Amino acid sequence: VEEELRVGSGDKKVDADVESAPASGNSSSGTGFKKQESGMSSASSYSSRSWEKVFLQSLTLTFLAEWGDRSQIATIALAAAKDPYGVTLGGCLGHSMCTGMAVIGGRMLASRISEKTVTFWGGTVFLGFGVHSLFFEA
């Protein structure tokens, strides 16, 4: 474990970015632990298991969010009237472009403001729409 000892105080501070390595202990320090990189450079250190986990989470989230929404109903209607292969290709390309812009925009937004701020303002806007629909919708 990587530690920082303070001389004379007796306190020790353990680095928060230390994670457990596999049981085989492939770490060069021989301690069984390795230091996790931070920032954009850590993207190259992701294992295939963490990539698979993120992939499955995003696949499930997108599938469940899109299931039965208006865009899917519109795509069903379009496929019934037009060439289904063209509708499939166009739908996949359009959804990929929208998702790509959301990922890039979210990454840029996250580098400028905190997640707590986004959560607060998102909740505030959501409540505002709810109040509006209670009082101003017929």
N, C-alpha and C. Protein backbone atom coordinates (compact mmCIF):
# COMPACT_ATOMS: atom_id res chain seq x y z
N VAL A 1 0.86 -1.17 0.00
CA VAL A 1 0.00 0.00 0.00
C VAL A 1 0.90 1.22 0.00
N GLU A 2 0.55 2.18 -0.83
CA GLU A 2 1.33 3.41 -0.89
C GLU A 2 0.87 4.32 0.24
N GLU A 3 1.78 4.72 1.12
CA GLU A 3 1.43 5.53 2.27
C GLU A 3 2.33 6.75 2.34
N GLU A 4 1.81 7.80 2.96
CA GLU A 4 2.59 8.99 3.21
C GLU A 4 2.67 9.14 4.72
N LEU A 5 3.86 9.05 5.30
CA LEU A 5 4.02 9.16 6.74
C LEU A 5 4.43 10.58 7.10
N ARG A 6 3.78 11.11 8.10
CA ARG A 6 4.14 12.44 8.59
C ARG A 6 5.11 12.26 9.75
N VAL A 7 6.27 12.86 9.64
CA VAL A 7 7.30 12.71 10.66
C VAL A 7 6.89 13.48 11.90
N GLY A 8 6.96 12.83 13.04
CA GLY A 8 6.70 13.47 14.32
C GLY A 8 5.24 13.46 14.74
N SER A 9 4.30 13.39 13.81
CA SER A 9 2.90 13.46 14.20
C SER A 9 2.31 12.08 14.48
N GLY A 10 2.93 11.05 13.92
CA GLY A 10 2.43 9.71 14.13
C GLY A 10 1.22 9.38 13.27
N ASP A 11 0.69 10.34 12.53
CA ASP A 11 -0.45 10.09 11.65
C ASP A 11 0.02 9.54 10.33
N LYS A 12 -0.77 8.69 9.73
CA LYS A 12 -0.43 8.24 8.39
C LYS A 12 -1.63 8.48 7.49
N LYS A 13 -1.35 8.87 6.25
CA LYS A 13 -2.39 9.17 5.28
C LYS A 13 -2.26 8.16 4.15
N VAL A 14 -3.33 7.41 3.88
CA VAL A 14 -3.31 6.42 2.81
C VAL A 14 -3.84 7.06 1.55
N ASP A 15 -3.12 6.89 0.44
CA ASP A 15 -3.53 7.46 -0.84
C ASP A 15 -4.89 6.89 -1.24
N ALA A 16 -5.85 7.76 -1.55
CA ALA A 16 -7.21 7.33 -1.88
C ALA A 16 -7.32 6.68 -3.24
N ASP A 17 -6.30 6.84 -4.07
CA ASP A 17 -6.36 6.29 -5.42
C ASP A 17 -5.70 4.93 -5.53
N VAL A 18 -5.63 4.19 -4.46
CA VAL A 18 -5.02 2.87 -4.49
C VAL A 18 -6.13 1.84 -4.60
N GLU A 19 -5.98 0.92 -5.54
CA GLU A 19 -6.98 -0.13 -5.69
C GLU A 19 -6.30 -1.48 -5.65
N SER A 20 -7.06 -2.48 -5.31
CA SER A 20 -6.53 -3.82 -5.19
C SER A 20 -6.22 -4.39 -6.57
N ALA A 21 -5.08 -5.03 -6.69
CA ALA A 21 -4.69 -5.69 -7.93
C ALA A 21 -5.19 -7.11 -7.90
N PRO A 22 -5.13 -7.83 -9.02
CA PRO A 22 -5.53 -9.24 -9.03
C PRO A 22 -4.71 -10.05 -8.03
N ALA A 23 -5.25 -11.19 -7.64
CA ALA A 23 -4.61 -12.02 -6.62
C ALA A 23 -3.21 -12.46 -7.00
N SER A 24 -2.90 -12.48 -8.28
CA SER A 24 -1.57 -12.92 -8.71
C SER A 24 -0.50 -11.92 -8.33
N GLY A 25 -0.87 -10.66 -8.02
CA GLY A 25 0.10 -9.67 -7.58
C GLY A 25 1.04 -9.25 -8.67
N ASN A 26 0.55 -8.84 -9.82
CA ASN A 26 1.39 -8.43 -10.94
C ASN A 26 1.99 -7.05 -10.76
N SER A 27 1.81 -6.44 -9.63
CA SER A 27 2.30 -5.10 -9.37
C SER A 27 3.82 -5.11 -9.31
N SER A 28 4.45 -4.06 -9.79
CA SER A 28 5.91 -4.00 -9.78
C SER A 28 6.45 -3.77 -8.39
N SER A 29 5.65 -3.22 -7.46
CA SER A 29 6.13 -2.98 -6.11
C SER A 29 6.12 -4.24 -5.26
N GLY A 30 5.43 -5.29 -5.73
CA GLY A 30 5.39 -6.55 -5.01
C GLY A 30 4.42 -6.54 -3.84
N THR A 31 3.63 -5.48 -3.68
CA THR A 31 2.70 -5.39 -2.55
C THR A 31 1.33 -5.94 -2.87
N GLY A 32 1.02 -6.21 -4.15
CA GLY A 32 -0.30 -6.69 -4.51
C GLY A 32 -1.27 -5.56 -4.80
N PHE A 33 -0.79 -4.32 -4.75
CA PHE A 33 -1.64 -3.17 -5.03
C PHE A 33 -1.02 -2.35 -6.15
N LYS A 34 -1.87 -1.61 -6.86
CA LYS A 34 -1.36 -0.71 -7.89
C LYS A 34 -2.08 0.61 -7.79
N LYS A 35 -1.41 1.67 -8.16
CA LYS A 35 -1.99 3.00 -8.08
C LYS A 35 -2.81 3.25 -9.34
N GLN A 36 -4.03 3.74 -9.16
CA GLN A 36 -4.93 4.04 -10.28
C GLN A 36 -4.61 5.42 -10.82
N GLU A 37 -4.52 5.53 -12.14
CA GLU A 37 -4.28 6.82 -12.78
C GLU A 37 -5.56 7.63 -12.76
N SER A 38 -5.43 8.94 -12.86
CA SER A 38 -6.62 9.78 -12.88
C SER A 38 -6.65 10.57 -14.17
N GLY A 39 -7.84 11.08 -14.53
CA GLY A 39 -7.99 11.91 -15.71
C GLY A 39 -8.08 11.11 -16.98
N MET A 40 -7.83 11.78 -18.10
CA MET A 40 -7.96 11.15 -19.41
C MET A 40 -6.96 10.02 -19.61
N SER A 41 -5.81 10.06 -18.96
CA SER A 41 -4.82 9.00 -19.15
C SER A 41 -5.30 7.67 -18.60
N SER A 42 -6.27 7.69 -17.69
CA SER A 42 -6.75 6.43 -17.11
C SER A 42 -7.63 5.66 -18.09
N ALA A 43 -8.07 6.30 -19.17
CA ALA A 43 -8.92 5.61 -20.14
C ALA A 43 -8.19 4.43 -20.77
N SER A 44 -6.89 4.54 -20.92
CA SER A 44 -6.13 3.46 -21.53
C SER A 44 -5.89 2.31 -20.56
N SER A 45 -6.07 2.54 -19.26
CA SER A 45 -5.80 1.49 -18.28
C SER A 45 -7.03 0.67 -17.93
N TYR A 46 -8.19 0.97 -18.52
CA TYR A 46 -9.39 0.20 -18.23
C TYR A 46 -9.23 -1.23 -18.71
N SER A 47 -9.64 -2.16 -17.89
CA SER A 47 -9.59 -3.56 -18.29
C SER A 47 -10.79 -3.86 -19.18
N SER A 48 -10.76 -4.99 -19.83
CA SER A 48 -11.89 -5.36 -20.67
C SER A 48 -13.14 -5.59 -19.84
N ARG A 49 -12.99 -6.00 -18.59
CA ARG A 49 -14.15 -6.22 -17.73
C ARG A 49 -14.86 -4.90 -17.41
N SER A 50 -14.12 -3.83 -17.15
CA SER A 50 -14.77 -2.57 -16.86
C SER A 50 -15.44 -2.02 -18.11
N TRP A 51 -14.85 -2.24 -19.29
CA TRP A 51 -15.46 -1.81 -20.54
C TRP A 51 -16.77 -2.56 -20.76
N GLU A 52 -16.77 -3.85 -20.48
CA GLU A 52 -17.98 -4.66 -20.64
C GLU A 52 -19.07 -4.20 -19.68
N LYS A 53 -18.69 -3.84 -18.47
CA LYS A 53 -19.67 -3.38 -17.48
C LYS A 53 -20.32 -2.08 -17.95
N VAL A 54 -19.53 -1.13 -18.40
CA VAL A 54 -20.07 0.14 -18.90
C VAL A 54 -20.94 -0.09 -20.13
N PHE A 55 -20.49 -0.98 -21.01
CA PHE A 55 -21.25 -1.29 -22.22
C PHE A 55 -22.62 -1.86 -21.85
N LEU A 56 -22.65 -2.82 -20.94
CA LEU A 56 -23.92 -3.44 -20.55
C LEU A 56 -24.84 -2.44 -19.83
N GLN A 57 -24.27 -1.57 -19.01
CA GLN A 57 -25.08 -0.56 -18.34
C GLN A 57 -25.70 0.41 -19.34
N SER A 58 -24.91 0.89 -20.28
CA SER A 58 -25.44 1.85 -21.25
C SER A 58 -26.43 1.17 -22.20
N LEU A 59 -26.18 -0.07 -22.58
CA LEU A 59 -27.10 -0.81 -23.44
C LEU A 59 -28.45 -0.98 -22.74
N THR A 60 -28.41 -1.42 -21.49
CA THR A 60 -29.64 -1.63 -20.74
C THR A 60 -30.39 -0.32 -20.53
N LEU A 61 -29.67 0.73 -20.14
CA LEU A 61 -30.30 2.02 -19.91
C LEU A 61 -30.96 2.55 -21.18
N THR A 62 -30.25 2.50 -22.28
CA THR A 62 -30.79 3.00 -23.55
C THR A 62 -31.97 2.15 -24.00
N PHE A 63 -31.85 0.84 -23.91
CA PHE A 63 -32.93 -0.04 -24.34
C PHE A 63 -34.20 0.21 -23.53
N LEU A 64 -34.07 0.28 -22.21
CA LEU A 64 -35.25 0.48 -21.38
C LEU A 64 -35.84 1.88 -21.54
N ALA A 65 -34.98 2.88 -21.75
CA ALA A 65 -35.48 4.25 -21.92
C ALA A 65 -36.20 4.42 -23.25
N GLU A 66 -35.76 3.72 -24.28
CA GLU A 66 -36.33 3.87 -25.61
C GLU A 66 -37.52 2.95 -25.86
N TRP A 67 -37.66 1.90 -25.06
CA TRP A 67 -38.71 0.92 -25.29
C TRP A 67 -40.08 1.56 -25.14
N GLY A 68 -40.85 1.59 -26.22
CA GLY A 68 -42.21 2.08 -26.18
C GLY A 68 -42.37 3.59 -26.22
N ASP A 69 -41.29 4.34 -26.44
CA ASP A 69 -41.45 5.79 -26.51
C ASP A 69 -41.95 6.21 -27.89
N ARG A 70 -42.22 7.48 -28.08
CA ARG A 70 -42.81 7.96 -29.33
C ARG A 70 -41.92 7.73 -30.55
N SER A 71 -40.61 7.84 -30.37
CA SER A 71 -39.74 7.62 -31.52
C SER A 71 -39.80 6.16 -31.99
N GLN A 72 -39.94 5.22 -31.07
CA GLN A 72 -40.06 3.83 -31.46
C GLN A 72 -41.39 3.58 -32.18
N ILE A 73 -42.46 4.18 -31.69
CA ILE A 73 -43.77 4.04 -32.34
C ILE A 73 -43.73 4.64 -33.75
N ALA A 74 -43.08 5.80 -33.88
CA ALA A 74 -42.94 6.43 -35.19
C ALA A 74 -42.11 5.57 -36.13
N THR A 75 -41.06 4.93 -35.59
CA THR A 75 -40.22 4.05 -36.40
C THR A 75 -41.01 2.82 -36.85
N ILE A 76 -41.86 2.29 -36.00
CA ILE A 76 -42.71 1.15 -36.37
C ILE A 76 -43.64 1.54 -37.51
N ALA A 77 -44.26 2.71 -37.37
CA ALA A 77 -45.16 3.18 -38.42
C ALA A 77 -44.42 3.42 -39.73
N LEU A 78 -43.24 3.98 -39.66
CA LEU A 78 -42.45 4.24 -40.86
C LEU A 78 -42.03 2.93 -41.52
N ALA A 79 -41.63 1.95 -40.72
CA ALA A 79 -41.21 0.66 -41.25
C ALA A 79 -42.38 -0.08 -41.89
N ALA A 80 -43.60 0.15 -41.40
CA ALA A 80 -44.77 -0.49 -41.98
C ALA A 80 -45.08 0.08 -43.37
N ALA A 81 -44.76 1.35 -43.57
CA ALA A 81 -45.08 2.01 -44.83
C ALA A 81 -43.91 2.04 -45.82
N LYS A 82 -42.70 1.94 -45.33
CA LYS A 82 -41.50 2.08 -46.19
C LYS A 82 -40.63 0.84 -46.09
N ASP A 83 -39.49 0.91 -46.76
CA ASP A 83 -38.53 -0.19 -46.76
C ASP A 83 -37.96 -0.39 -45.35
N PRO A 84 -38.15 -1.55 -44.73
CA PRO A 84 -37.68 -1.75 -43.35
C PRO A 84 -36.16 -1.69 -43.22
N TYR A 85 -35.42 -2.08 -44.25
CA TYR A 85 -33.95 -2.01 -44.17
C TYR A 85 -33.49 -0.56 -44.14
N GLY A 86 -34.09 0.28 -44.93
CA GLY A 86 -33.75 1.71 -44.91
C GLY A 86 -34.13 2.36 -43.60
N VAL A 87 -35.29 1.98 -43.05
CA VAL A 87 -35.73 2.52 -41.77
C VAL A 87 -34.77 2.07 -40.66
N THR A 88 -34.36 0.81 -40.70
CA THR A 88 -33.43 0.29 -39.69
C THR A 88 -32.10 1.02 -39.76
N LEU A 89 -31.55 1.16 -40.96
CA LEU A 89 -30.28 1.84 -41.12
C LEU A 89 -30.37 3.31 -40.70
N GLY A 90 -31.42 3.99 -41.15
CA GLY A 90 -31.61 5.39 -40.77
C GLY A 90 -31.83 5.57 -39.28
N GLY A 91 -32.61 4.68 -38.67
CA GLY A 91 -32.86 4.75 -37.23
C GLY A 91 -31.60 4.53 -36.42
N CYS A 92 -30.81 3.54 -36.83
CA CYS A 92 -29.55 3.26 -36.12
C CYS A 92 -28.57 4.44 -36.25
N LEU A 93 -28.45 4.96 -37.45
CA LEU A 93 -27.54 6.09 -37.68
C LEU A 93 -28.01 7.32 -36.91
N GLY A 94 -29.30 7.63 -36.97
CA GLY A 94 -29.83 8.79 -36.25
C GLY A 94 -29.66 8.67 -34.74
N HIS A 95 -29.95 7.50 -34.22
CA HIS A 95 -29.81 7.29 -32.78
C HIS A 95 -28.34 7.34 -32.36
N SER A 96 -27.46 6.79 -33.19
CA SER A 96 -26.03 6.84 -32.89
C SER A 96 -25.51 8.26 -32.86
N MET A 97 -25.98 9.08 -33.80
CA MET A 97 -25.55 10.48 -33.84
C MET A 97 -26.04 11.23 -32.60
N CYS A 98 -27.29 11.03 -32.23
CA CYS A 98 -27.84 11.71 -31.04
C CYS A 98 -27.13 11.25 -29.77
N THR A 99 -26.88 9.96 -29.65
CA THR A 99 -26.18 9.44 -28.49
C THR A 99 -24.75 9.95 -28.44
N GLY A 100 -24.09 9.98 -29.58
CA GLY A 100 -22.72 10.51 -29.65
C GLY A 100 -22.65 11.96 -29.20
N MET A 101 -23.60 12.78 -29.67
CA MET A 101 -23.62 14.18 -29.24
C MET A 101 -23.90 14.29 -27.75
N ALA A 102 -24.75 13.42 -27.21
CA ALA A 102 -25.04 13.45 -25.78
C ALA A 102 -23.81 13.06 -24.96
N VAL A 103 -23.06 12.08 -25.42
CA VAL A 103 -21.86 11.65 -24.71
C VAL A 103 -20.81 12.75 -24.72
N ILE A 104 -20.57 13.33 -25.89
CA ILE A 104 -19.57 14.40 -25.99
C ILE A 104 -20.01 15.63 -25.18
N GLY A 105 -21.29 16.00 -25.31
CA GLY A 105 -21.80 17.14 -24.54
C GLY A 105 -21.75 16.90 -23.05
N GLY A 106 -22.08 15.69 -22.62
CA GLY A 106 -22.02 15.36 -21.20
C GLY A 106 -20.60 15.39 -20.67
N ARG A 107 -19.66 14.93 -21.48
CA ARG A 107 -18.25 14.95 -21.08
C ARG A 107 -17.75 16.39 -20.92
N MET A 108 -18.14 17.25 -21.88
CA MET A 108 -17.74 18.66 -21.81
C MET A 108 -18.40 19.35 -20.63
N LEU A 109 -19.68 19.06 -20.39
CA LEU A 109 -20.41 19.66 -19.29
C LEU A 109 -19.82 19.22 -17.95
N ALA A 110 -19.49 17.96 -17.83
CA ALA A 110 -18.94 17.42 -16.58
C ALA A 110 -17.59 18.03 -16.24
N SER A 111 -16.85 18.47 -17.24
CA SER A 111 -15.55 19.07 -16.97
C SER A 111 -15.68 20.52 -16.50
N ARG A 112 -16.87 21.11 -16.64
CA ARG A 112 -17.06 22.51 -16.27
C ARG A 112 -17.90 22.72 -15.01
N ILE A 113 -18.88 21.85 -14.77
CA ILE A 113 -19.72 21.99 -13.58
C ILE A 113 -19.84 20.65 -12.87
N SER A 114 -20.20 20.71 -11.59
CA SER A 114 -20.24 19.48 -10.79
C SER A 114 -21.53 18.70 -11.04
N GLU A 115 -21.48 17.42 -10.73
CA GLU A 115 -22.65 16.56 -10.87
C GLU A 115 -23.77 17.00 -9.93
N LYS A 116 -23.40 17.51 -8.77
CA LYS A 116 -24.38 18.01 -7.80
C LYS A 116 -25.17 19.18 -8.38
N THR A 117 -24.49 20.08 -9.08
CA THR A 117 -25.15 21.23 -9.70
C THR A 117 -26.11 20.78 -10.79
N VAL A 118 -25.69 19.83 -11.61
CA VAL A 118 -26.55 19.30 -12.67
C VAL A 118 -27.78 18.64 -12.07
N THR A 119 -27.59 17.86 -11.00
CA THR A 119 -28.70 17.19 -10.35
C THR A 119 -29.68 18.21 -9.77
N PHE A 120 -29.17 19.24 -9.11
CA PHE A 120 -30.03 20.27 -8.52
C PHE A 120 -30.86 20.97 -9.58
N TRP A 121 -30.21 21.45 -10.64
CA TRP A 121 -30.93 22.20 -11.66
C TRP A 121 -31.85 21.30 -12.48
N GLY A 122 -31.46 20.07 -12.72
CA GLY A 122 -32.33 19.12 -13.41
C GLY A 122 -33.59 18.85 -12.61
N GLY A 123 -33.44 18.66 -11.30
CA GLY A 123 -34.59 18.45 -10.42
C GLY A 123 -35.48 19.68 -10.34
N THR A 124 -34.86 20.85 -10.31
CA THR A 124 -35.63 22.10 -10.25
C THR A 124 -36.46 22.29 -11.52
N VAL A 125 -35.85 22.05 -12.67
CA VAL A 125 -36.58 22.18 -13.94
C VAL A 125 -37.70 21.15 -14.01
N PHE A 126 -37.42 19.92 -13.59
CA PHE A 126 -38.43 18.87 -13.58
C PHE A 126 -39.63 19.25 -12.71
N LEU A 127 -39.35 19.76 -11.51
CA LEU A 127 -40.44 20.21 -10.63
C LEU A 127 -41.19 21.39 -11.24
N GLY A 128 -40.46 22.28 -11.91
CA GLY A 128 -41.11 23.41 -12.58
C GLY A 128 -42.08 22.94 -13.64
N PHE A 129 -41.69 21.95 -14.44
CA PHE A 129 -42.61 21.40 -15.45
C PHE A 129 -43.82 20.74 -14.78
N GLY A 130 -43.59 20.06 -13.65
CA GLY A 130 -44.70 19.43 -12.94
C GLY A 130 -45.70 20.45 -12.42
N VAL A 131 -45.20 21.53 -11.82
CA VAL A 131 -46.07 22.59 -11.32
C VAL A 131 -46.82 23.24 -12.48
N HIS A 132 -46.12 23.48 -13.57
CA HIS A 132 -46.75 24.08 -14.75
C HIS A 132 -47.89 23.21 -15.27
N SER A 133 -47.66 21.90 -15.32
CA SER A 133 -48.71 21.00 -15.84
C SER A 133 -49.90 20.92 -14.89
N LEU A 134 -49.68 21.11 -13.60
CA LEU A 134 -50.78 21.10 -12.64
C LEU A 134 -51.69 22.32 -12.79
N PHE A 135 -51.09 23.49 -13.00
CA PHE A 135 -51.85 24.72 -12.98
C PHE A 135 -52.21 25.28 -14.35
N PHE A 136 -51.47 24.94 -15.37
CA PHE A 136 -51.68 25.59 -16.67
C PHE A 136 -52.12 24.66 -17.78
N GLU A 137 -52.24 23.39 -17.54
CA GLU A 137 -52.71 22.45 -18.55
C GLU A 137 -54.19 22.17 -18.33
N ALA A 138 -54.90 22.02 -19.42
CA ALA A 138 -56.36 21.79 -19.31
C ALA A 138 -56.69 20.33 -19.22
